[in-house]
N, C-alpha and C. Protein backbone atom coordinates (compact mmCIF):
# COMPACT_ATOMS: atom_id res chain seq x y z
N UNK A 1 12.68 17.37 10.99
CA UNK A 1 14.24 16.72 9.72
C UNK A 1 13.16 16.87 8.70
N UNK A 2 14.32 17.02 7.48
CA UNK A 2 13.92 16.96 5.77
C UNK A 2 13.56 15.60 5.43
N UNK A 3 12.77 15.38 4.43
CA UNK A 3 12.57 14.19 4.31
C UNK A 3 12.89 13.70 2.83
N UNK A 4 14.10 14.64 2.50
CA UNK A 4 15.37 14.18 1.50
C UNK A 4 16.06 13.09 2.02
N UNK A 5 15.79 12.28 0.34
CA UNK A 5 16.61 11.31 0.42
C UNK A 5 16.58 10.35 1.79
N UNK A 6 15.44 10.22 2.16
CA UNK A 6 15.07 9.08 2.79
C UNK A 6 15.21 7.53 2.46
N UNK A 7 15.15 6.53 3.23
CA UNK A 7 15.40 5.34 2.43
C UNK A 7 13.86 4.39 2.63
N UNK A 8 13.82 4.37 4.15
CA UNK A 8 12.73 3.94 4.74
C UNK A 8 11.92 5.33 5.52
N UNK A 9 10.65 4.50 5.70
CA UNK A 9 9.54 5.83 6.41
C UNK A 9 9.77 5.55 8.04
N UNK A 10 9.42 7.06 8.78
CA UNK A 10 9.68 7.00 10.57
C UNK A 10 8.90 6.13 10.97
N UNK A 11 7.53 5.85 10.34
CA UNK A 11 6.49 5.68 11.24
C UNK A 11 5.96 6.42 12.41
N UNK A 12 6.75 7.44 12.90
CA UNK A 12 6.81 8.32 13.80
C UNK A 12 7.39 7.77 15.16
N UNK A 13 7.94 6.93 14.79
CA UNK A 13 8.75 6.06 15.65
C UNK A 13 10.84 6.21 15.55
N UNK A 14 11.37 5.96 16.82
CA UNK A 14 12.72 5.81 16.87
C UNK A 14 13.08 5.08 15.86
N UNK A 15 14.88 5.25 15.86
CA UNK A 15 15.01 4.10 15.35
C UNK A 15 15.14 3.18 15.85
N UNK A 16 15.47 2.63 16.78
CA UNK A 16 15.08 1.08 18.03
C UNK A 16 13.67 0.84 17.61
N UNK A 17 12.69 1.83 17.80
CA UNK A 17 11.32 1.42 17.64
C UNK A 17 11.42 0.67 16.47
N UNK A 18 11.11 0.99 15.29
CA UNK A 18 11.09 1.04 13.82
C UNK A 18 11.89 -0.30 13.51
N UNK A 19 13.24 -0.16 14.51
CA UNK A 19 13.65 -1.45 13.56
C UNK A 19 13.03 -2.76 14.44
N UNK A 20 12.27 -3.03 15.99
CA UNK A 20 11.76 -3.96 16.22
C UNK A 20 10.22 -3.26 15.92
N UNK A 21 10.10 -3.31 15.21
CA UNK A 21 8.71 -3.39 14.66
C UNK A 21 8.93 -4.38 13.00
N UNK A 22 9.49 -3.79 13.06
CA UNK A 22 9.87 -4.29 11.65
C UNK A 22 10.44 -5.92 11.48
N UNK A 23 11.69 -5.88 12.04
CA UNK A 23 11.89 -7.66 12.98
C UNK A 23 10.49 -8.41 13.86
N UNK A 24 9.23 -7.46 14.15
CA UNK A 24 8.14 -8.29 14.28
C UNK A 24 7.36 -8.78 13.30
N UNK A 25 7.81 -8.03 12.46
CA UNK A 25 6.52 -7.81 11.07
C UNK A 25 7.18 -9.13 10.31
N UNK A 26 8.47 -9.06 10.16
CA UNK A 26 9.25 -10.10 8.96
C UNK A 26 9.19 -11.43 9.94
N UNK A 27 9.16 -11.40 11.41
CA UNK A 27 8.99 -12.54 12.00
C UNK A 27 7.68 -13.26 11.72
N UNK A 28 6.31 -12.55 12.06
CA UNK A 28 4.91 -12.87 11.47
C UNK A 28 4.98 -13.68 10.17
N UNK A 29 5.37 -12.81 9.78
CA UNK A 29 5.41 -13.11 8.11
C UNK A 29 6.01 -14.34 7.68
N UNK A 30 7.56 -14.74 8.28
CA UNK A 30 8.07 -15.81 7.89
C UNK A 30 7.23 -17.34 8.92
N UNK A 31 6.43 -16.93 10.13
CA UNK A 31 6.23 -17.92 10.56
C UNK A 31 4.61 -18.22 10.29
N UNK A 32 4.05 -17.41 9.35
CA UNK A 32 2.26 -17.11 9.58
C UNK A 32 2.18 -17.84 7.96
N UNK A 33 3.14 -16.79 6.81
CA UNK A 33 3.17 -16.76 5.61
C UNK A 33 2.27 -15.96 5.03
N UNK A 34 1.55 -15.24 5.94
CA UNK A 34 0.42 -14.11 5.40
C UNK A 34 0.05 -13.27 6.72
N UNK A 35 -0.30 -11.89 6.75
CA UNK A 35 -0.33 -11.48 8.13
C UNK A 35 -1.52 -10.17 7.25
N UNK A 36 -1.48 -9.42 8.22
CA UNK A 36 -3.17 -8.24 7.46
C UNK A 36 -2.30 -7.14 8.75
N UNK A 37 -1.89 -6.00 7.91
CA UNK A 37 -1.27 -4.67 8.53
C UNK A 37 -1.51 -3.74 7.46
N UNK A 38 -1.30 -2.43 8.13
CA UNK A 38 -1.39 -1.28 7.35
C UNK A 38 -0.74 -1.28 6.15
N UNK A 39 -0.77 -0.54 4.88
CA UNK A 39 -0.36 -0.08 3.75
C UNK A 39 0.77 0.23 3.72
N UNK A 40 1.53 1.32 4.53
CA UNK A 40 2.21 1.59 4.55
C UNK A 40 3.40 0.72 5.52
N UNK A 41 3.10 -0.18 6.21
CA UNK A 41 3.99 -0.47 7.02
C UNK A 41 4.31 -2.04 5.86
N UNK A 42 3.24 -2.78 5.17
CA UNK A 42 3.77 -3.22 3.90
C UNK A 42 4.49 -3.03 3.09
N UNK A 43 4.42 -2.13 3.05
CA UNK A 43 5.49 -2.14 1.22
C UNK A 43 7.01 -1.56 2.39
N UNK A 44 7.19 -0.76 3.78
CA UNK A 44 8.16 -1.23 3.92
C UNK A 44 8.75 -2.55 4.51
N UNK A 45 7.31 -3.52 4.67
CA UNK A 45 8.63 -4.92 5.07
C UNK A 45 8.77 -5.52 3.90
N UNK A 46 8.28 -5.60 2.44
CA UNK A 46 8.32 -5.93 1.04
C UNK A 46 9.56 -6.11 1.32
N UNK A 47 10.18 -4.49 1.14
CA UNK A 47 11.74 -4.22 1.11
C UNK A 47 12.98 -5.55 1.80
N UNK A 48 12.03 -4.95 3.21
CA UNK A 48 12.57 -6.05 4.34
C UNK A 48 13.10 -7.79 3.39
N UNK A 49 11.68 -8.25 3.47
CA UNK A 49 11.31 -9.77 3.29
C UNK A 49 12.02 -9.94 2.36
N UNK A 50 12.06 -9.12 0.95
CA UNK A 50 12.78 -9.73 0.21
C UNK A 50 13.94 -9.71 -0.36
N UNK A 51 14.49 -8.71 0.42
CA UNK A 51 15.99 -8.39 0.65
C UNK A 51 16.61 -10.12 1.49
N UNK A 52 15.54 -10.69 2.71
CA UNK A 52 16.10 -11.83 3.27
C UNK A 52 16.26 -13.26 3.09
N UNK A 53 15.04 -13.06 1.89
CA UNK A 53 14.86 -14.32 0.93
C UNK A 53 16.09 -13.95 -0.08
N UNK A 54 16.04 -12.78 -0.53
CA UNK A 54 17.20 -13.22 -1.52
C UNK A 54 18.94 -13.41 -0.87
N UNK A 55 18.89 -12.76 -0.22
CA UNK A 55 20.36 -13.07 1.05
C UNK A 55 20.31 -14.34 1.19
N UNK A 56 19.29 -15.20 1.80
CA UNK A 56 19.06 -16.11 2.14
C UNK A 56 19.23 -17.72 1.17
N UNK A 57 19.55 -16.77 -0.27
CA UNK A 57 18.82 -18.32 -1.55
C UNK A 57 20.31 -18.10 -1.74
N UNK A 58 21.53 -17.75 -1.18
CA UNK A 58 22.73 -18.69 -1.64
C UNK A 58 23.19 -19.30 -0.67
N UNK A 59 22.55 -19.69 0.95
CA UNK A 59 22.56 -20.92 1.73
C UNK A 59 23.70 -20.58 2.24
N UNK A 60 24.49 -20.07 2.64
CA UNK A 60 25.93 -20.05 3.31
C UNK A 60 25.69 -19.49 5.09
N UNK A 61 26.95 -19.78 5.48
CA UNK A 61 26.78 -18.99 7.21
C UNK A 61 26.19 -18.11 7.03
N UNK A 62 27.67 -16.73 6.09
CA UNK A 62 27.07 -15.59 6.26
C UNK A 62 25.19 -15.20 6.23
N UNK A 63 24.90 -16.09 5.21
CA UNK A 63 23.13 -15.78 4.74
C UNK A 63 22.75 -15.82 6.53
N UNK A 64 22.67 -17.47 6.84
CA UNK A 64 22.21 -17.42 8.01
C UNK A 64 22.31 -16.49 8.93
N UNK A 65 23.69 -15.98 9.21
CA UNK A 65 23.94 -14.83 10.46
C UNK A 65 22.94 -13.67 9.91
N UNK A 66 22.82 -13.31 8.63
CA UNK A 66 21.94 -12.21 8.33
C UNK A 66 20.28 -12.21 8.94
N UNK A 67 19.87 -13.65 8.45
CA UNK A 67 18.60 -13.47 8.55
C UNK A 67 18.66 -13.75 10.44
N UNK A 68 19.61 -14.26 11.19
CA UNK A 68 19.85 -14.48 12.64
C UNK A 68 19.21 -12.89 13.08
N UNK A 69 19.90 -11.88 12.33
CA UNK A 69 19.40 -10.60 12.85
C UNK A 69 18.01 -9.99 12.91
N UNK A 70 17.35 -10.52 12.01
CA UNK A 70 16.17 -10.88 12.14
C UNK A 70 15.17 -11.69 12.82
N UNK A 71 15.38 -12.63 12.80
CA UNK A 71 14.53 -13.58 13.00
C UNK A 71 15.31 -14.36 13.97
N UNK A 72 14.40 -15.28 14.85
CA UNK A 72 14.80 -16.05 16.15
C UNK A 72 15.26 -17.62 14.85
N UNK A 73 16.39 -17.92 16.14
CA UNK A 73 16.56 -19.72 15.60
C UNK A 73 15.23 -20.54 14.82
N UNK A 74 14.31 -20.70 15.52
CA UNK A 74 12.97 -21.59 14.71
C UNK A 74 12.60 -21.30 13.54
N UNK A 75 12.86 -19.84 13.91
CA UNK A 75 12.22 -18.95 12.57
C UNK A 75 13.09 -19.15 11.24
N UNK A 76 14.76 -18.76 11.70
CA UNK A 76 15.71 -18.62 10.82
C UNK A 76 15.48 -20.35 9.56
N UNK A 77 15.42 -21.28 11.09
CA UNK A 77 15.34 -23.28 10.19
C UNK A 77 13.89 -23.16 9.63
N UNK A 78 12.92 -22.57 9.40
CA UNK A 78 11.76 -22.66 9.45
C UNK A 78 12.30 -21.65 7.31
N UNK A 79 12.70 -21.09 7.45
CA UNK A 79 13.31 -20.17 6.62
C UNK A 79 13.76 -20.90 5.86
N UNK A 80 15.07 -21.57 5.87
CA UNK A 80 16.12 -22.48 5.06
C UNK A 80 15.59 -23.65 4.98
N UNK A 81 14.45 -24.13 5.31
CA UNK A 81 14.17 -25.53 5.20
C UNK A 81 13.08 -25.03 4.17
N UNK A 82 11.93 -24.35 4.09
CA UNK A 82 10.80 -24.36 3.68
C UNK A 82 10.48 -22.89 2.53
N UNK A 83 10.86 -22.17 3.07
CA UNK A 83 10.71 -20.48 2.60
C UNK A 83 11.24 -20.54 1.38
N UNK A 84 12.66 -20.75 1.78
CA UNK A 84 13.31 -19.65 0.84
C UNK A 84 13.68 -20.83 -0.76
N UNK A 85 13.78 -22.19 -0.04
CA UNK A 85 14.13 -23.12 -1.05
C UNK A 85 13.12 -22.83 -2.62
N UNK A 86 11.82 -22.38 -1.95
CA UNK A 86 10.52 -22.33 -2.96
C UNK A 86 10.93 -21.43 -3.87
N UNK A 87 11.82 -20.62 -3.80
CA UNK A 87 12.26 -19.50 -4.52
C UNK A 87 13.01 -19.37 -4.99
N UNK A 88 13.72 -20.98 -5.02
CA UNK A 88 14.96 -21.40 -6.19
C UNK A 88 15.23 -20.66 -7.22
N UNK A 89 14.14 -20.64 -8.11
CA UNK A 89 14.01 -20.49 -9.62
C UNK A 89 13.81 -19.14 -9.52
N UNK A 90 13.18 -18.15 -9.07
CA UNK A 90 12.55 -17.34 -9.16
C UNK A 90 12.92 -15.88 -8.88
N UNK A 91 13.10 -15.03 -9.67
CA UNK A 91 14.28 -13.53 -9.10
C UNK A 91 13.79 -12.70 -8.85
N UNK A 92 13.33 -11.87 -7.63
CA UNK A 92 12.24 -11.34 -7.07
C UNK A 92 11.18 -11.52 -7.24
N UNK A 93 10.23 -10.52 -6.67
CA UNK A 93 8.54 -10.28 -6.03
C UNK A 93 8.29 -11.72 -5.19
N UNK A 94 8.57 -12.12 -4.29
CA UNK A 94 8.62 -13.23 -3.36
C UNK A 94 7.24 -12.94 -2.40
N UNK A 95 6.98 -11.09 -2.40
CA UNK A 95 5.51 -10.89 -1.80
C UNK A 95 4.33 -10.52 -1.88
N UNK A 96 3.42 -10.77 -2.04
CA UNK A 96 1.98 -9.88 -2.76
C UNK A 96 1.11 -9.37 -1.95
N UNK A 97 0.66 -7.94 -2.09
CA UNK A 97 -0.31 -7.58 -1.27
C UNK A 97 -1.15 -6.83 -1.86
N UNK A 98 -2.42 -7.65 -0.90
CA UNK A 98 -4.09 -7.71 -1.53
C UNK A 98 -4.25 -6.38 -0.54
N UNK A 99 -5.08 -5.08 -1.16
CA UNK A 99 -5.69 -3.93 -0.27
C UNK A 99 -6.81 -4.89 0.02
N UNK A 100 -7.48 -4.33 1.18
CA UNK A 100 -8.45 -4.87 1.58
C UNK A 100 -9.70 -3.53 2.10
N UNK A 101 -8.85 -1.95 1.81
CA UNK A 101 -9.83 -1.31 2.24
C UNK A 101 -9.80 -0.38 3.78
N UNK A 102 -10.33 0.46 4.03
CA UNK A 102 -9.88 1.38 5.12
C UNK A 102 -10.13 0.34 6.82
N UNK A 103 -9.40 0.94 7.55
CA UNK A 103 -10.05 0.09 9.18
C UNK A 103 -10.99 1.01 10.08
N UNK A 104 -11.79 0.51 10.32
CA UNK A 104 -13.20 1.49 10.81
C UNK A 104 -13.10 2.77 11.52
N UNK A 105 -11.79 2.33 12.77
CA UNK A 105 -11.61 3.39 13.65
C UNK A 105 -10.80 4.61 13.50
N UNK A 106 -9.71 4.45 12.67
CA UNK A 106 -8.42 5.65 12.15
C UNK A 106 -9.03 5.68 10.84
N UNK A 107 -9.48 5.02 10.16
CA UNK A 107 -9.54 4.78 8.46
C UNK A 107 -8.33 4.52 8.02
N UNK A 108 -7.32 3.93 8.56
CA UNK A 108 -5.51 3.79 7.98
C UNK A 108 -6.16 2.41 6.60
N UNK A 109 -5.59 2.14 5.63
CA UNK A 109 -5.64 1.95 4.36
C UNK A 109 -4.84 0.27 4.92
N UNK A 110 -5.71 -0.48 4.49
CA UNK A 110 -5.40 -2.36 5.41
C UNK A 110 -5.38 -3.13 4.24
N UNK A 111 -4.27 -3.88 4.32
CA UNK A 111 -3.66 -5.20 2.91
C UNK A 111 -3.34 -6.28 4.00
N UNK A 112 -3.07 -7.35 3.22
CA UNK A 112 -2.45 -8.48 3.47
C UNK A 112 -0.98 -8.63 2.74
N UNK A 113 -0.66 -9.27 3.37
CA UNK A 113 0.83 -9.44 2.94
C UNK A 113 1.10 -10.77 2.82
N UNK A 114 1.96 -11.40 1.82
CA UNK A 114 1.75 -12.50 1.75
C UNK A 114 2.73 -13.54 1.31
N UNK A 115 3.85 -14.26 1.87
CA UNK A 115 4.72 -15.13 0.39
C UNK A 115 3.89 -15.88 -0.75
N UNK A 116 4.40 -15.38 -1.72
CA UNK A 116 3.78 -16.07 -3.10
C UNK A 116 4.25 -17.54 -2.94
N UNK A 117 3.10 -18.42 -3.51
CA UNK A 117 3.42 -20.11 -3.27
C UNK A 117 4.59 -20.28 -4.59
């Protein structure tokens, strides 16, 4: 397939597997507020996490349902009670990526992605 006009990276996975990967990563990020992953996955995760927080700032039923597509019930509750209110006055830039260096076995660039306090 051509690479033109791609909105997301494929990670050499099919669409359902890629979506499951991002759901798992964003769930872990919202639960632990800091995770260690590869640089490419973190950059894609940043897009999704920032979109979820921005939509959640409306704090209405549609926002809750949108977050429920990616997060389980307890994580949605945590997001609306603790995470999203933290960014009420902030316009974007909810995540931070720290570069760690290469992973030893395959040389993948590793990073820590965290929610800004």
